[in-house]
C-alpha cells in the first residue's frame, strides 16, 4: 500500500535525521513537546479548516472527496437580530 510506504519512509527520515538533532539540542526540554512516536506516524492525519461563512470550506472538502459527505450543510449566512 502506498500510504504505508510513505509513512514508513517518513518514520525512517525522522528517526535517522531529525530525532538525533532534536535530542542533541534538547527540543523536548525547550519546547515542552515530546519526541514523535510510531503512533503519530501510523495514525490518520487530522485536518482543521477554519474560515468565515461562504468562503468555500465545504466546497473544498467536497472537491477533495469527489462526493457529498454526511453532515454537510450549505446555506445562507446565519444572522441575529439581538446582540
Protein backbone atom coordinates (compact mmCIF):
# COMPACT_ATOMS: atom_id res chain seq x y z
CA UNK A 1 0.00 0.00 0.00
CA UNK A 2 1.34 3.41 -0.98
CA UNK A 3 0.22 5.09 2.26
CA UNK A 4 2.11 2.58 4.38
CA UNK A 5 5.21 3.03 2.20
CA UNK A 6 5.15 6.83 2.60
CA UNK A 7 4.55 6.51 6.34
CA UNK A 8 7.46 4.09 6.71
CA UNK A 9 9.81 6.40 4.77
CA UNK A 10 8.77 9.44 6.82
CA UNK A 11 9.33 7.47 10.01
CA UNK A 12 12.78 6.42 8.80
CA UNK A 13 13.74 10.00 7.90
CA UNK A 14 12.58 11.20 11.30
CA UNK A 15 14.42 8.53 13.29
CA UNK A 16 17.65 8.76 11.28
CA UNK A 17 17.91 12.52 10.63
CA UNK A 18 15.51 14.63 12.69
CA UNK A 19 15.33 12.80 16.03
CA UNK A 20 19.10 12.91 16.66
CA UNK A 21 19.05 16.69 16.13
CA UNK A 22 16.06 17.08 18.45
CA UNK A 23 17.86 15.08 21.14
CA UNK A 24 21.14 16.94 20.69
CA UNK A 25 19.54 20.36 21.08
CA UNK A 26 17.06 19.21 23.78
CA UNK A 27 14.00 20.01 21.73
CA UNK A 28 11.71 18.24 24.22
CA UNK A 29 13.03 20.35 27.10
CA UNK A 30 12.94 23.80 25.50
CA UNK A 31 9.70 23.43 23.57
CA UNK A 32 7.91 21.12 26.04
CA UNK A 33 6.99 18.82 23.19
CA UNK A 34 7.71 15.09 23.32
CA UNK A 35 9.54 13.30 20.54
CA UNK A 36 7.31 11.73 17.90
CA UNK A 37 6.34 8.10 18.40
CA UNK A 38 5.31 5.40 15.93
CA UNK A 39 1.65 6.09 16.72
CA UNK A 40 1.90 9.60 15.28
CA UNK A 41 3.25 8.25 12.01
CA UNK A 42 0.77 5.37 11.77
CA UNK A 43 -2.44 7.21 12.70
CA UNK A 44 -4.69 9.01 10.24
CA UNK A 45 -3.96 12.72 9.90
CA UNK A 46 -6.45 15.28 11.15
CA UNK A 47 -7.06 18.50 9.28
CA UNK A 48 -8.86 21.60 10.56
CA UNK A 49 -10.42 24.05 8.12
CA UNK A 50 -11.48 27.38 9.55
CA UNK A 51 -12.80 30.48 7.88
CA UNK A 52 -15.65 32.90 7.54
CA UNK A 53 -19.05 31.93 6.19
CA UNK A 54 -19.36 31.28 2.47
CA UNK A 55 -15.67 31.15 1.64
CA UNK A 56 -15.74 27.61 0.23
CA UNK A 57 -14.74 25.28 3.09
CA UNK A 58 -17.48 22.74 2.37
CA UNK A 59 -16.98 23.02 -1.38
CA UNK A 60 -13.25 22.38 -0.90
CA UNK A 61 -13.95 19.21 1.11
CA UNK A 62 -16.46 18.04 -1.50
CA UNK A 63 -13.85 18.63 -4.21
CA UNK A 64 -11.22 16.60 -2.34
CA UNK A 65 -13.60 13.73 -1.62
CA UNK A 66 -15.24 13.81 -5.02
CA UNK A 67 -18.66 13.43 -3.40
CA UNK A 68 -21.02 14.79 -0.76
CA UNK A 69 -20.39 13.77 2.83
CA UNK A 70 -22.57 13.21 5.93
CA UNK A 71 -23.29 16.35 7.93
CA UNK A 72 -22.54 18.79 5.15
CA UNK A 73 -24.76 21.82 5.07
CA UNK A 74 -24.56 24.68 2.63
CA UNK A 75 -26.91 27.53 3.31
CA UNK A 76 -27.27 31.25 3.91
CA UNK A 77 -25.06 33.07 6.39
CA UNK A 78 -26.58 32.97 9.89
CA UNK A 79 -27.86 36.27 11.23
CA UNK A 80 -29.22 37.50 14.54
CA UNK A 81 -31.50 40.34 15.50
CA UNK A 82 -30.13 40.59 19.04
CA UNK A 83 -26.71 41.44 20.37
